[in-house]
Amino acid sequence: MDHPQEQFTSPSRTDVLIAGLIGIAALALYVRTLAPSLLWGDSAEFQTLSYTLGMTHPSGYMTQIMLGKLFTYIPVGNIAYRVNLMSAFFGGLAVAEAYLIVRLLGGWRIPALSASILLTLTEGFWWRAIVAESYAPAAGMLATVWLLMLLWRQTGKWGYLFLAGVAGGLSMGIHSTVVMTAPSVFVFMALTARKREEWFAAAAGALLGAVITFGFFLYLDSNDPASSIYNTVYRTNMSASG
């Protein structure tokens, strides 16, 4: 027997409040369990270069490094701890947006809340939200792209498509998984977009995001601090012939 689906077209103030509260709760949990200082491997690289502003191992993670720099200005703990905070922030953002995404897909509030709580407490996601890595920021950006896409579908406002494109373009400097989701975004657009200005808005936003990311790349490459992986590992291990 079919049950009537709850009518829902756009997030209400109650939904925004619930999303905000669960996002704050997730952030509080991640901060409470956050790695306290300098880590190892890629995490140590992200922590160091977010402060000195240099290129990491390929692909450079340009957007992540520039965002990480902003977090180094937060007056709490040491520099490494502050960069860890970025993962906690984006983890909480992804959790909050997951609730709104389920609602925009026509889900009831209880399933949407359950989905957010499950994401918050999933071991793999939790672990990546408490260390300086690219996975939590990538999850936050992916959720942002799809939330904006669904808001466009519900409201018809092309501005959401432009912002989704910007987020997608910037995400190229965070993790390749965001790039790999581009085909699904294109299919979604092909099935739902009917106006030329909608395609133009999405393309213009993506181009702007990509240009900003490339600008980050050029800046970090020219800054070339002694702490970059090229100066600490690659160049020091070149053969006599280069």
Protein backbone atom coordinates (compact mmCIF):
# COMPACT_ATOMS: atom_id res chain seq x y z
CA MET A 1 0.00 0.00 0.00
CA ASP A 2 1.42 3.37 -0.99
CA HIS A 3 1.81 6.03 1.65
CA PRO A 4 1.43 9.72 0.73
CA GLN A 5 4.77 11.52 0.48
CA GLU A 6 5.24 14.59 2.66
CA GLN A 7 4.85 17.72 0.57
CA PHE A 8 8.11 19.69 0.44
CA THR A 9 9.40 22.18 -2.08
CA SER A 10 12.11 24.21 -0.35
CA PRO A 11 13.77 24.29 3.07
CA SER A 12 11.63 25.95 5.71
CA ARG A 13 13.05 27.91 8.62
CA THR A 14 12.53 24.83 10.76
CA ASP A 15 14.57 22.71 8.36
CA VAL A 16 17.37 25.27 8.23
CA LEU A 17 17.35 25.40 12.03
CA ILE A 18 17.49 21.60 12.34
CA ALA A 19 20.29 21.41 9.77
CA GLY A 20 22.21 24.10 11.61
CA LEU A 21 21.81 22.40 14.98
CA ILE A 22 22.90 18.97 13.77
CA GLY A 23 25.81 20.55 11.90
CA ILE A 24 26.91 22.36 15.06
CA ALA A 25 26.53 19.16 17.08
CA ALA A 26 28.70 17.27 14.59
CA LEU A 27 31.27 20.06 14.62
CA ALA A 28 31.35 19.99 18.43
CA LEU A 29 31.91 16.22 18.38
CA TYR A 30 34.73 16.52 15.86
CA VAL A 31 36.39 19.37 17.76
CA ARG A 32 36.14 17.38 20.99
CA THR A 33 37.98 14.46 19.37
CA LEU A 34 40.22 16.53 17.08
CA ALA A 35 43.88 15.60 16.60
CA PRO A 36 45.68 18.04 18.93
CA SER A 37 48.85 18.83 17.00
CA LEU A 38 51.23 17.89 14.20
CA LEU A 39 50.49 14.62 12.41
CA TRP A 40 52.41 12.62 9.79
CA GLY A 41 52.41 11.90 6.06
CA ASP A 42 50.04 13.93 3.92
CA SER A 43 48.39 15.48 6.98
CA ALA A 44 51.70 16.97 8.16
CA GLU A 45 52.28 18.25 4.64
CA PHE A 46 48.89 19.98 4.55
CA GLN A 47 49.44 21.44 8.03
CA THR A 48 52.88 22.83 7.15
CA LEU A 49 52.07 24.19 3.71
CA SER A 50 48.80 25.79 4.82
CA TYR A 51 51.07 28.01 6.91
CA THR A 52 53.99 28.51 4.51
CA LEU A 53 51.81 28.47 1.34
CA GLY A 54 53.57 26.05 -0.97
CA MET A 55 52.81 23.24 -3.38
CA THR A 56 52.01 19.80 -2.00
CA HIS A 57 52.45 16.50 -3.82
CA PRO A 58 50.46 16.39 -7.09
CA SER A 59 47.93 17.68 -7.82
CA GLY A 60 48.92 20.47 -5.46
CA TYR A 61 45.61 20.74 -3.52
CA MET A 62 45.64 24.47 -4.18
CA THR A 63 42.18 25.38 -2.88
CA GLN A 64 42.65 23.32 0.25
CA ILE A 65 45.96 25.02 1.04
CA MET A 66 44.48 28.49 0.57
CA LEU A 67 41.46 27.64 2.74
CA GLY A 68 43.79 26.09 5.29
CA LYS A 69 45.69 29.39 5.45
CA LEU A 70 42.48 31.11 6.57
CA PHE A 71 42.11 28.62 9.41
CA THR A 72 45.68 29.30 10.60
CA TYR A 73 44.49 32.75 11.66
CA ILE A 74 42.03 31.32 14.20
CA PRO A 75 43.49 32.24 17.62
CA VAL A 76 43.24 28.82 19.25
CA GLY A 77 45.79 26.03 19.75
CA ASN A 78 48.84 25.70 17.54
CA ILE A 79 49.04 26.04 13.75
CA ALA A 80 48.69 22.29 13.14
CA TYR A 81 45.59 22.16 15.34
CA ARG A 82 44.02 25.05 13.44
CA VAL A 83 44.47 23.27 10.11
CA ASN A 84 42.88 20.17 11.63
CA LEU A 85 39.91 22.41 12.48
CA MET A 86 39.26 22.89 8.77
CA SER A 87 38.36 19.22 8.41
CA ALA A 88 36.05 19.44 11.42
CA PHE A 89 34.32 22.48 9.93
CA PHE A 90 33.74 20.90 6.53
CA GLY A 91 32.66 17.65 8.18
CA GLY A 92 29.99 19.52 10.12
CA LEU A 93 28.99 21.38 6.96
CA ALA A 94 28.55 18.11 5.04
CA VAL A 95 26.39 16.71 7.84
CA ALA A 96 24.13 19.77 7.89
CA GLU A 97 23.80 19.76 4.11
CA ALA A 98 23.04 16.04 4.05
CA TYR A 99 19.88 16.75 6.05
CA LEU A 100 18.76 19.44 3.60
CA ILE A 101 19.59 17.26 0.59
CA VAL A 102 17.37 14.44 1.84
CA ARG A 103 14.58 16.96 2.44
CA LEU A 104 14.97 18.41 -1.04
CA LEU A 105 14.75 14.90 -2.48
CA GLY A 106 11.32 14.63 -0.87
CA GLY A 107 12.32 12.78 2.28
CA TRP A 108 10.61 13.20 5.61
CA ARG A 109 12.35 14.93 8.51
CA ILE A 110 13.02 11.76 10.52
CA PRO A 111 14.82 9.94 7.66
CA ALA A 112 16.74 13.14 6.87
CA LEU A 113 17.80 13.45 10.49
CA SER A 114 18.74 9.77 10.62
CA ALA A 115 20.88 10.13 7.49
CA SER A 116 22.74 13.07 9.01
CA ILE A 117 23.34 11.30 12.31
CA LEU A 118 24.54 8.18 10.52
CA LEU A 119 26.97 10.22 8.45
CA THR A 120 28.21 12.01 11.57
CA LEU A 121 28.99 8.80 13.42
CA THR A 122 30.26 6.66 10.54
CA GLU A 123 33.79 5.66 11.54
CA GLY A 124 35.43 6.43 8.21
CA PHE A 125 33.86 9.88 7.95
CA TRP A 126 34.46 10.74 11.61
CA TRP A 127 38.13 9.78 11.36
CA ARG A 128 38.62 12.03 8.33
CA ALA A 129 36.91 14.97 10.03
CA ILE A 130 39.46 15.16 12.85
CA VAL A 131 42.75 15.29 10.90
CA ALA A 132 44.20 17.63 8.28
CA GLU A 133 43.21 15.79 5.10
CA SER A 134 41.35 16.53 1.89
CA TYR A 135 38.43 14.12 2.39
CA ALA A 136 36.23 16.15 4.75
CA PRO A 137 36.66 19.36 2.71
CA ALA A 138 35.86 17.35 -0.44
CA ALA A 139 32.71 15.95 1.20
CA GLY A 140 31.64 19.43 2.24
CA MET A 141 32.14 20.79 -1.26
CA LEU A 142 30.36 17.84 -2.88
CA ALA A 143 27.39 18.32 -0.57
CA THR A 144 27.42 22.05 -1.37
CA VAL A 145 27.33 21.39 -5.12
CA TRP A 146 24.39 18.99 -4.88
CA LEU A 147 22.48 21.13 -2.38
CA LEU A 148 22.73 24.07 -4.76
CA MET A 149 21.73 21.89 -7.72
CA LEU A 150 18.63 20.68 -5.89
CA LEU A 151 17.74 24.21 -4.79
CA TRP A 152 17.90 25.23 -8.43
CA ARG A 153 15.63 22.35 -9.39
CA GLN A 154 13.10 23.36 -6.76
CA THR A 155 13.16 27.14 -7.31
CA GLY A 156 14.21 27.54 -10.95
CA LYS A 157 16.67 30.30 -9.94
CA TRP A 158 19.76 30.09 -12.12
CA GLY A 159 21.86 31.78 -9.44
CA TYR A 160 22.02 28.46 -7.61
CA LEU A 161 23.50 26.87 -10.72
CA PHE A 162 26.14 29.59 -10.94
CA LEU A 163 27.14 29.06 -7.30
CA ALA A 164 27.18 25.28 -7.81
CA GLY A 165 29.54 25.79 -10.73
CA VAL A 166 31.83 28.02 -8.66
CA ALA A 167 31.92 25.42 -5.86
CA GLY A 168 32.68 22.68 -8.38
CA GLY A 169 35.47 24.68 -10.01
CA LEU A 170 37.07 25.49 -6.67
CA SER A 171 36.78 21.83 -5.67
CA MET A 172 39.22 20.85 -8.40
CA GLY A 173 41.88 22.16 -6.03
CA ILE A 174 40.71 19.92 -3.18
CA HIS A 175 40.28 16.32 -4.35
CA SER A 176 39.80 14.35 -7.55
CA THR A 177 36.55 12.79 -6.30
CA VAL A 178 34.86 16.14 -6.83
CA VAL A 179 36.05 16.15 -10.44
CA MET A 180 34.84 12.58 -10.94
CA THR A 181 31.31 13.56 -9.92
CA ALA A 182 31.14 16.05 -12.81
CA PRO A 183 29.59 13.49 -15.21
CA SER A 184 26.69 12.91 -12.80
CA VAL A 185 26.13 16.65 -12.57
CA PHE A 186 26.14 16.87 -16.37
CA VAL A 187 23.58 14.05 -16.66
CA PHE A 188 21.39 15.75 -14.05
CA MET A 189 21.59 18.98 -16.02
CA ALA A 190 20.84 17.20 -19.31
CA LEU A 191 17.69 15.68 -17.83
CA THR A 192 16.38 18.81 -16.12
CA ALA A 193 17.81 22.00 -17.66
CA ARG A 194 15.62 23.39 -20.43
CA LYS A 195 16.84 26.97 -20.78
CA ARG A 196 20.02 28.24 -22.39
CA GLU A 197 20.70 30.66 -19.52
CA GLU A 198 20.74 27.75 -17.08
CA TRP A 199 23.56 26.04 -18.97
CA PHE A 200 25.36 29.36 -19.31
CA ALA A 201 25.09 30.03 -15.56
CA ALA A 202 26.48 26.62 -14.63
CA ALA A 203 29.31 26.89 -17.17
CA ALA A 204 30.18 30.45 -16.15
CA GLY A 205 30.31 29.48 -12.47
CA ALA A 206 32.49 26.45 -13.18
CA LEU A 207 34.83 28.54 -15.33
CA LEU A 208 35.16 31.18 -12.62
CA GLY A 209 35.90 28.53 -9.98
CA ALA A 210 38.48 26.88 -12.23
CA VAL A 211 40.18 30.22 -12.97
CA ILE A 212 40.42 31.01 -9.25
CA THR A 213 41.86 27.54 -8.60
CA PHE A 214 44.44 28.03 -11.36
CA GLY A 215 45.30 31.39 -9.80
CA PHE A 216 45.92 29.62 -6.50
CA PHE A 217 48.19 27.18 -8.35
CA LEU A 218 50.25 29.96 -9.91
CA TYR A 219 50.62 31.77 -6.60
CA LEU A 220 51.68 28.70 -4.61
CA ASP A 221 54.08 27.60 -7.34
CA SER A 222 55.74 31.02 -7.46
CA ASN A 223 55.89 31.32 -3.66
CA ASP A 224 57.93 28.08 -3.55
CA PRO A 225 58.83 27.94 0.17
CA ALA A 226 61.68 25.79 1.44
CA SER A 227 59.09 23.53 3.11
CA SER A 228 57.41 22.44 -0.15
CA ILE A 229 57.69 18.79 -1.14
CA TYR A 230 59.67 19.85 -4.22
CA ASN A 231 62.38 21.47 -2.11
CA THR A 232 62.40 18.92 0.72
CA VAL A 233 62.10 15.69 -1.31
CA TYR A 234 62.06 15.92 -5.10
CA ARG A 235 64.89 18.35 -5.82
CA THR A 236 67.14 16.98 -3.09
CA ASN A 237 66.88 13.53 -4.64
CA MET A 238 67.62 14.46 -8.22
CA SER A 239 70.51 12.72 -9.94
CA ALA A 240 73.60 14.67 -10.96
CA SER A 241 72.11 15.06 -14.42
CA GLY A 242 68.81 16.33 -13.03
